């Protein structure tokens, strides 16, 4: 189950010569967490989320069955997937993993993801852009349902290299982090 026939954006995710054979690893492609495997000289990548209960496949293991079959095993519940096809035992596509295009180039291993859809500018985009125009390059905060629009606007600014977002688990901690950052660097930060 490999995605094809889409406009792709390519992300460098690994050094080919530094990736051990027979292993799985979590990598980031853009803003997506992916599980990368290297089996029998072939790189494959799938979402870093087991379809069974969301376990992090990149923290799983490569196991060899009694029949010699190689499996990517989820660390949470032991669900297995063929690392070269993404299929679960028995070949059921509805419980398998979608594999993404991979390319080994001279300077690394690249993973192809569908190009982002065009974005319509929102009020929160203008707010985030205004913050960066005023010199704010660091934001501490906590994402929740009431600020998803702002979180997305901050993500877009971070993708453009204009700011860095640090996720904090409590609003009070974010305020302390922001204050400490400003005192130590002399630069503004936002909560």
C-alpha atoms as a PDB file:
ATOM      1  CA  UNK A   1       0.000   0.000   0.000  1.00  0.00           C
ATOM      2  CA  UNK A   2       2.195   2.840  -1.283  1.00  0.00           C
ATOM      3  CA  UNK A   3       0.903   6.341  -1.928  1.00  0.00           C
ATOM      4  CA  UNK A   4       1.529   7.459  -5.512  1.00  0.00           C
ATOM      5  CA  UNK A   5       0.417   9.931  -8.169  1.00  0.00           C
ATOM      6  CA  UNK A   6       0.596  12.991  -5.934  1.00  0.00           C
ATOM      7  CA  UNK A   7       2.671  16.165  -5.996  1.00  0.00           C
ATOM      8  CA  UNK A   8       5.375  15.397  -3.412  1.00  0.00           C
ATOM      9  CA  UNK A   9       7.527  17.451  -1.087  1.00  0.00           C
ATOM     10  CA  UNK A  10      10.753  15.642  -0.186  1.00  0.00           C
ATOM     11  CA  UNK A  11      12.225  15.691   3.331  1.00  0.00           C
ATOM     12  CA  UNK A  12      15.700  14.490   4.281  1.00  0.00           C
ATOM     13  CA  UNK A  13      15.152  12.068   7.174  1.00  0.00           C
ATOM     14  CA  UNK A  14      18.391  10.109   7.633  1.00  0.00           C
ATOM     15  CA  UNK A  15      21.967   9.508   6.569  1.00  0.00           C
ATOM     16  CA  UNK A  16      22.057   6.266   4.593  1.00  0.00           C
ATOM     17  CA  UNK A  17      25.441   5.189   5.934  1.00  0.00           C
ATOM     18  CA  UNK A  18      24.499   5.855   9.599  1.00  0.00           C
ATOM     19  CA  UNK A  19      21.248   3.881   9.631  1.00  0.00           C
ATOM     20  CA  UNK A  20      21.746   0.321  10.912  1.00  0.00           C
ATOM     21  CA  UNK A  21      20.212  -2.568   8.974  1.00  0.00           C
ATOM     22  CA  UNK A  22      17.259  -4.365  10.532  1.00  0.00           C
ATOM     23  CA  UNK A  23      16.177  -1.399  12.635  1.00  0.00           C
ATOM     24  CA  UNK A  24      13.242   0.952  13.060  1.00  0.00           C
ATOM     25  CA  UNK A  25      13.596   4.604  14.027  1.00  0.00           C
ATOM     26  CA  UNK A  26      11.334   7.601  14.558  1.00  0.00           C
ATOM     27  CA  UNK A  27      12.053  10.455  12.127  1.00  0.00           C
ATOM     28  CA  UNK A  28      10.363  13.764  11.399  1.00  0.00           C
ATOM     29  CA  UNK A  29       9.310  14.811   7.904  1.00  0.00           C
ATOM     30  CA  UNK A  30       8.048  18.371   7.999  1.00  0.00           C
ATOM     31  CA  UNK A  31       5.623  18.296  10.918  1.00  0.00           C
ATOM     32  CA  UNK A  32       4.865  14.580  10.716  1.00  0.00           C
ATOM     33  CA  UNK A  33       6.316  11.828  12.862  1.00  0.00           C
ATOM     34  CA  UNK A  34       7.214   8.785  10.779  1.00  0.00           C
ATOM     35  CA  UNK A  35       8.572   5.286  11.496  1.00  0.00           C
ATOM     36  CA  UNK A  36      11.519   4.515   9.214  1.00  0.00           C
ATOM     37  CA  UNK A  37      12.823   0.981   8.665  1.00  0.00           C
ATOM     38  CA  UNK A  38      15.856  -0.360   6.823  1.00  0.00           C
ATOM     39  CA  UNK A  39      15.420  -4.014   5.868  1.00  0.00           C
ATOM     40  CA  UNK A  40      17.451  -5.936   3.255  1.00  0.00           C
ATOM     41  CA  UNK A  41      18.901  -2.724   1.769  1.00  0.00           C
ATOM     42  CA  UNK A  42      15.497  -1.028   1.394  1.00  0.00           C
ATOM     43  CA  UNK A  43      14.198   2.007   3.313  1.00  0.00           C
ATOM     44  CA  UNK A  44      10.456   2.203   4.000  1.00  0.00           C
ATOM     45  CA  UNK A  45       8.420   4.732   5.962  1.00  0.00           C
ATOM     46  CA  UNK A  46       4.954   4.799   7.440  1.00  0.00           C
ATOM     47  CA  UNK A  47       3.063   6.992   9.922  1.00  0.00           C
ATOM     48  CA  UNK A  48       4.494   6.617  13.415  1.00  0.00           C
ATOM     49  CA  UNK A  49       1.128   5.455  14.711  1.00  0.00           C
ATOM     50  CA  UNK A  50      -0.116   1.896  14.993  1.00  0.00           C
ATOM     51  CA  UNK A  51      -3.667   1.669  13.582  1.00  0.00           C
ATOM     52  CA  UNK A  52      -4.568  -0.688  16.440  1.00  0.00           C
ATOM     53  CA  UNK A  53      -4.251   1.718  19.393  1.00  0.00           C
ATOM     54  CA  UNK A  54      -1.913   4.487  18.281  1.00  0.00           C
ATOM     55  CA  UNK A  55       1.339   3.021  19.575  1.00  0.00           C
ATOM     56  CA  UNK A  56       4.591   4.656  18.389  1.00  0.00           C
ATOM     57  CA  UNK A  57       5.877   2.250  15.732  1.00  0.00           C
ATOM     58  CA  UNK A  58       9.248   4.035  15.635  1.00  0.00           C
ATOM     59  CA  UNK A  59       9.867   2.739  19.160  1.00  0.00           C
ATOM     60  CA  UNK A  60       8.939  -0.792  18.152  1.00  0.00           C
ATOM     61  CA  UNK A  61      11.230  -3.588  17.100  1.00  0.00           C
ATOM     62  CA  UNK A  62      12.055  -5.675  14.084  1.00  0.00           C
ATOM     63  CA  UNK A  63      11.263  -9.326  14.810  1.00  0.00           C
ATOM     64  CA  UNK A  64      11.945 -12.448  12.766  1.00  0.00           C
ATOM     65  CA  UNK A  65       9.170 -15.065  12.877  1.00  0.00           C
ATOM     66  CA  UNK A  66       9.634 -18.840  12.972  1.00  0.00           C
ATOM     67  CA  UNK A  67       9.064 -18.878   9.208  1.00  0.00           C
ATOM     68  CA  UNK A  68      11.863 -16.333   8.664  1.00  0.00           C
ATOM     69  CA  UNK A  69       9.386 -13.523   7.909  1.00  0.00           C
ATOM     70  CA  UNK A  70      10.473 -10.087   9.135  1.00  0.00           C
ATOM     71  CA  UNK A  71       7.918  -8.019  11.119  1.00  0.00           C
ATOM     72  CA  UNK A  72       7.740  -4.495  12.518  1.00  0.00           C
ATOM     73  CA  UNK A  73       6.218  -4.952  15.993  1.00  0.00           C
ATOM     74  CA  UNK A  74       4.288  -2.202  17.814  1.00  0.00           C
ATOM     75  CA  UNK A  75       5.708  -1.681  21.330  1.00  0.00           C
ATOM     76  CA  UNK A  76       2.290  -1.255  22.965  1.00  0.00           C
ATOM     77  CA  UNK A  77       0.268  -4.319  21.969  1.00  0.00           C
ATOM     78  CA  UNK A  78       2.559  -6.388  19.759  1.00  0.00           C
ATOM     79  CA  UNK A  79       0.719  -5.785  16.478  1.00  0.00           C
ATOM     80  CA  UNK A  80       2.899  -6.842  13.552  1.00  0.00           C
ATOM     81  CA  UNK A  81       3.335  -5.310  10.096  1.00  0.00           C
ATOM     82  CA  UNK A  82       5.488  -6.380   7.174  1.00  0.00           C
ATOM     83  CA  UNK A  83       8.056  -3.547   7.036  1.00  0.00           C
ATOM     84  CA  UNK A  84       8.442  -3.861   3.256  1.00  0.00           C
ATOM     85  CA  UNK A  85       4.729  -3.834   2.317  1.00  0.00           C
ATOM     86  CA  UNK A  86       2.988  -2.305   5.346  1.00  0.00           C
ATOM     87  CA  UNK A  87       0.535  -5.209   5.484  1.00  0.00           C
ATOM     88  CA  UNK A  88      -0.443  -6.998   8.667  1.00  0.00           C
ATOM     89  CA  UNK A  89      -0.190 -10.820   8.943  1.00  0.00           C
ATOM     90  CA  UNK A  90      -2.609 -12.351   6.487  1.00  0.00           C
ATOM     91  CA  UNK A  91      -2.223  -9.414   4.077  1.00  0.00           C
ATOM     92  CA  UNK A  92      -5.305  -7.461   5.224  1.00  0.00           C
ATOM     93  CA  UNK A  93      -5.043  -3.983   3.694  1.00  0.00           C
ATOM     94  CA  UNK A  94      -7.675  -2.516   6.041  1.00  0.00           C
ATOM     95  CA  UNK A  95      -5.414  -3.128   9.064  1.00  0.00           C
ATOM     96  CA  UNK A  96      -2.092  -2.385   7.367  1.00  0.00           C
ATOM     97  CA  UNK A  97       0.095   0.671   7.120  1.00  0.00           C
ATOM     98  CA  UNK A  98       0.403   3.003   4.142  1.00  0.00           C
ATOM     99  CA  UNK A  99       4.005   3.291   2.966  1.00  0.00           C
ATOM    100  CA  UNK A 100       5.373   6.577   1.667  1.00  0.00           C
ATOM    101  CA  UNK A 101       7.801   7.081  -1.245  1.00  0.00           C
ATOM    102  CA  UNK A 102      11.496   6.956  -0.349  1.00  0.00           C
ATOM    103  CA  UNK A 103      14.622   7.972  -2.255  1.00  0.00           C
ATOM    104  CA  UNK A 104      18.240   7.361  -1.356  1.00  0.00           C
ATOM    105  CA  UNK A 105      20.278  10.278  -2.658  1.00  0.00           C
ATOM    106  CA  UNK A 106      23.944  11.158  -2.448  1.00  0.00           C
ATOM    107  CA  UNK A 107      23.414  13.331   0.646  1.00  0.00           C
ATOM    108  CA  UNK A 108      20.848  11.228   2.521  1.00  0.00           C
ATOM    109  CA  UNK A 109      17.570   9.358   2.644  1.00  0.00           C
ATOM    110  CA  UNK A 110      14.480  11.327   1.584  1.00  0.00           C
ATOM    111  CA  UNK A 111      10.800  10.730   2.282  1.00  0.00           C
ATOM    112  CA  UNK A 112       8.083  12.109  -0.015  1.00  0.00           C
ATOM    113  CA  UNK A 113       4.863  13.532   1.397  1.00  0.00           C
ATOM    114  CA  UNK A 114       1.951  15.083  -0.435  1.00  0.00           C
ATOM    115  CA  UNK A 115       2.480  18.788  -0.986  1.00  0.00           C
ATOM    116  CA  UNK A 116       0.609  20.951   1.483  1.00  0.00           C
ATOM    117  CA  UNK A 117      -2.723  22.328   0.343  1.00  0.00           C
ATOM    118  CA  UNK A 118      -2.942  26.079  -0.098  1.00  0.00           C
ATOM    119  CA  UNK A 119      -3.679  28.012   3.073  1.00  0.00           C
ATOM    120  CA  UNK A 120      -6.218  30.812   3.412  1.00  0.00           C
ATOM    121  CA  UNK A 121      -4.904  33.619   5.634  1.00  0.00           C
ATOM    122  CA  UNK A 122      -6.826  33.993   8.897  1.00  0.00           C
ATOM    123  CA  UNK A 123      -6.870  36.572  11.694  1.00  0.00           C
ATOM    124  CA  UNK A 124      -4.589  34.344  13.770  1.00  0.00           C
ATOM    125  CA  UNK A 125      -2.104  34.224  10.871  1.00  0.00           C
ATOM    126  CA  UNK A 126      -2.006  38.022  10.910  1.00  0.00           C
ATOM    127  CA  UNK A 127      -1.543  37.967  14.706  1.00  0.00           C
ATOM    128  CA  UNK A 128       1.384  35.522  14.505  1.00  0.00           C
ATOM    129  CA  UNK A 129       2.979  37.477  11.659  1.00  0.00           C
ATOM    130  CA  UNK A 130       2.604  40.722  13.612  1.00  0.00           C
ATOM    131  CA  UNK A 131       4.339  39.117  16.604  1.00  0.00           C
ATOM    132  CA  UNK A 132       7.299  38.084  14.465  1.00  0.00           C
ATOM    133  CA  UNK A 133       7.406  41.519  12.822  1.00  0.00           C
ATOM    134  CA  UNK A 134       7.689  43.028  16.325  1.00  0.00           C
ATOM    135  CA  UNK A 135      10.704  40.813  17.027  1.00  0.00           C
ATOM    136  CA  UNK A 136       9.109  37.933  18.911  1.00  0.00           C
ATOM    137  CA  UNK A 137      11.052  34.832  17.887  1.00  0.00           C
ATOM    138  CA  UNK A 138      10.176  32.564  20.814  1.00  0.00           C
ATOM    139  CA  UNK A 139       6.755  31.463  22.059  1.00  0.00           C
ATOM    140  CA  UNK A 140       5.961  29.295  25.088  1.00  0.00           C
ATOM    141  CA  UNK A 141       2.482  27.829  25.318  1.00  0.00           C
ATOM    142  CA  UNK A 142       0.021  25.035  25.601  1.00  0.00           C
ATOM    143  CA  UNK A 143      -2.195  23.964  22.705  1.00  0.00           C
ATOM    144  CA  UNK A 144      -5.843  23.294  23.471  1.00  0.00           C
ATOM    145  CA  UNK A 145      -9.165  23.323  21.668  1.00  0.00           C
ATOM    146  CA  UNK A 146      -9.650  27.054  22.249  1.00  0.00           C
ATOM    147  CA  UNK A 147      -6.412  28.104  20.539  1.00  0.00           C
ATOM    148  CA  UNK A 148      -5.989  25.652  17.661  1.00  0.00           C
ATOM    149  CA  UNK A 149      -6.136  28.453  15.092  1.00  0.00           C
ATOM    150  CA  UNK A 150      -3.303  30.326  16.787  1.00  0.00           C
ATOM    151  CA  UNK A 151      -1.318  27.120  17.204  1.00  0.00           C
ATOM    152  CA  UNK A 152      -1.572  26.498  13.453  1.00  0.00           C
ATOM    153  CA  UNK A 153      -0.542  30.088  12.695  1.00  0.00           C
ATOM    154  CA  UNK A 154       2.487  29.711  14.986  1.00  0.00           C
ATOM    155  CA  UNK A 155       3.344  26.412  13.290  1.00  0.00           C
ATOM    156  CA  UNK A 156       3.367  28.154   9.902  1.00  0.00           C
ATOM    157  CA  UNK A 157       5.655  30.891  11.249  1.00  0.00           C
ATOM    158  CA  UNK A 158       7.955  28.202  12.669  1.00  0.00           C
ATOM    159  CA  UNK A 159       8.056  26.428   9.280  1.00  0.00           C
ATOM    160  CA  UNK A 160       9.171  29.725   7.738  1.00  0.00           C
ATOM    161  CA  UNK A 161      11.974  29.958  10.298  1.00  0.00           C
ATOM    162  CA  UNK A 162      10.594  33.091  11.917  1.00  0.00           C
ATOM    163  CA  UNK A 163       9.973  31.738  15.429  1.00  0.00           C
ATOM    164  CA  UNK A 164      10.399  28.771  17.735  1.00  0.00           C
ATOM    165  CA  UNK A 165       7.483  27.325  19.696  1.00  0.00           C
ATOM    166  CA  UNK A 166       8.032  25.477  22.989  1.00  0.00           C
ATOM    167  CA  UNK A 167       5.142  23.374  24.245  1.00  0.00           C
ATOM    168  CA  UNK A 168       4.555  23.689  27.988  1.00  0.00           C
ATOM    169  CA  UNK A 169       2.196  21.529  30.084  1.00  0.00           C
ATOM    170  CA  UNK A 170       0.733  24.313  32.254  1.00  0.00           C
ATOM    171  CA  UNK A 171      -0.129  27.963  31.599  1.00  0.00           C
ATOM    172  CA  UNK A 172       1.722  29.112  34.723  1.00  0.00           C
ATOM    173  CA  UNK A 173       4.865  27.284  33.672  1.00  0.00           C
ATOM    174  CA  UNK A 174       4.658  28.957  30.263  1.00  0.00           C
ATOM    175  CA  UNK A 175       4.526  32.381  31.920  1.00  0.00           C
ATOM    176  CA  UNK A 176       7.585  31.562  34.058  1.00  0.00           C
ATOM    177  CA  UNK A 177       9.468  30.221  31.024  1.00  0.00           C
ATOM    178  CA  UNK A 178       8.606  33.335  29.032  1.00  0.00           C
ATOM    179  CA  UNK A 179       9.749  35.617  31.856  1.00  0.00           C
ATOM    180  CA  UNK A 180      12.977  33.701  32.378  1.00  0.00           C
ATOM    181  CA  UNK A 181      13.731  33.729  28.653  1.00  0.00           C
ATOM    182  CA  UNK A 182      13.213  37.501  28.440  1.00  0.00           C
ATOM    183  CA  UNK A 183      15.378  38.163  31.528  1.00  0.00           C
ATOM    184  CA  UNK A 184      18.230  35.956  30.309  1.00  0.00           C
ATOM    185  CA  UNK A 185      18.283  37.001  26.657  1.00  0.00           C
ATOM    186  CA  UNK A 186      16.917  40.552  26.746  1.00  0.00           C
ATOM    187  CA  UNK A 187      14.533  39.584  23.948  1.00  0.00           C
ATOM    188  CA  UNK A 188      10.753  39.404  24.092  1.00  0.00           C
ATOM    189  CA  UNK A 189       8.912  36.099  24.239  1.00  0.00           C
ATOM    190  CA  UNK A 190       5.187  35.379  24.266  1.00  0.00           C
ATOM    191  CA  UNK A 191       2.921  33.070  26.228  1.00  0.00           C
END
